[in-house]
Amino acid sequence: AQLRPTKVMYHRFADGANVKGDILVFESTDEMFTVGVGKSSDGEYILVRNHSKTEDETWFISVRKSLELVEHTARSTTVGEDGGDSGNSSKPLDFSPLMQCVRELQPNIEYSADHGAGAWWLKTKEGCARDHFRVLRKRSAAPDAPEDDDFEVFLPEHPELSLSSGVLVTKSYVGASYLSTASGQPKLFLYPADSADAADAEKRKQQVFFPGVDPEQTSHDATFSHSCDYEEDRIVAALDTPERPTEWYRLPHFGAAASEMELLKRKEVPNYEPALYASKRVYVEYSEDPTAAL
């Protein structure tokens, strides 16, 4: 049988390596699904992802409410003056009332969820004609109960650009990593998270550029880095090209030019000599398809 994570457990650090007291939070009973756990970008929610290769379902628990539950349960057992139990036994922790689903499981619908900037964000194939993904948003002062009809389209599915990774969320911005289906080139865009709607987001978007890289002609790969910071709106992107080691750049401000990008780190490569490396992107025309990238 294939080994896969199927359960999410609550464990107290005070218990050390002893797991006998761990409490089941979530369990997947479908042998085709795998379970993962993480947190939202703003740190307000614990996210439990139940997914297969073609379908997703994300559950969430408010961090604040879960801590309140733990504290309330701990106080439910009182200790008498002699140090003995007063007789009020504590109830076992039950997180199930706090568990809520962002989007229920649907056949052949992939999605990933995050929360930040006062909204829920979904990268989803739902409603897509080309499987290029689109981004939905649900803004709410109390986003503890996302409802299907409350989600709006923030980034529509693009006919030539496919979302290649998850959506980056900081306090003020949303980042999308695209891959062009026409040229195979990556494109990184930042959008103000407070954009009124999809049209406003498109109008205000800014592309991330890198020094010495032609976004159309230079063969390269680019992604938003995990070292981005939510509270500080710190945007870091990683760049890979055939002739240069991996480089990490910080965006000094929204809409910065390529020449303004701050180089944070370059991967060390022994005996690397830039003059010995070069690449060239060539396009050819043929009858079945107007262009193809080589």
Foldseek 3Di string as FASTA:
>chain_A
DDDAAFWDWDDDVVVPPDCPLIHTQGGDPDPQWHWDWDAFQVRQWIWIWIDHPQKIKIKIAGPVVLVVQVVVQVVQWDADPVRHTPPRHGDRRHCVVRIAIQDDIDPRKDWDWHDELQWIKIFICPPPDPSLTFIWIAHDPDPSYHDPVRIATQGDRDPFWGFDDDWDAANFWIKTWTAGNAARFIKIKIFGPVQPGNVSRVVRIATDDAPPDDRRKFDKDKDWDPPQHRHVRWTKMWIGGQQFAIWIWTDPDHRDDNVPTHTDDGDDDPPRDSVVDDDGWDWDQDDPDGIDID
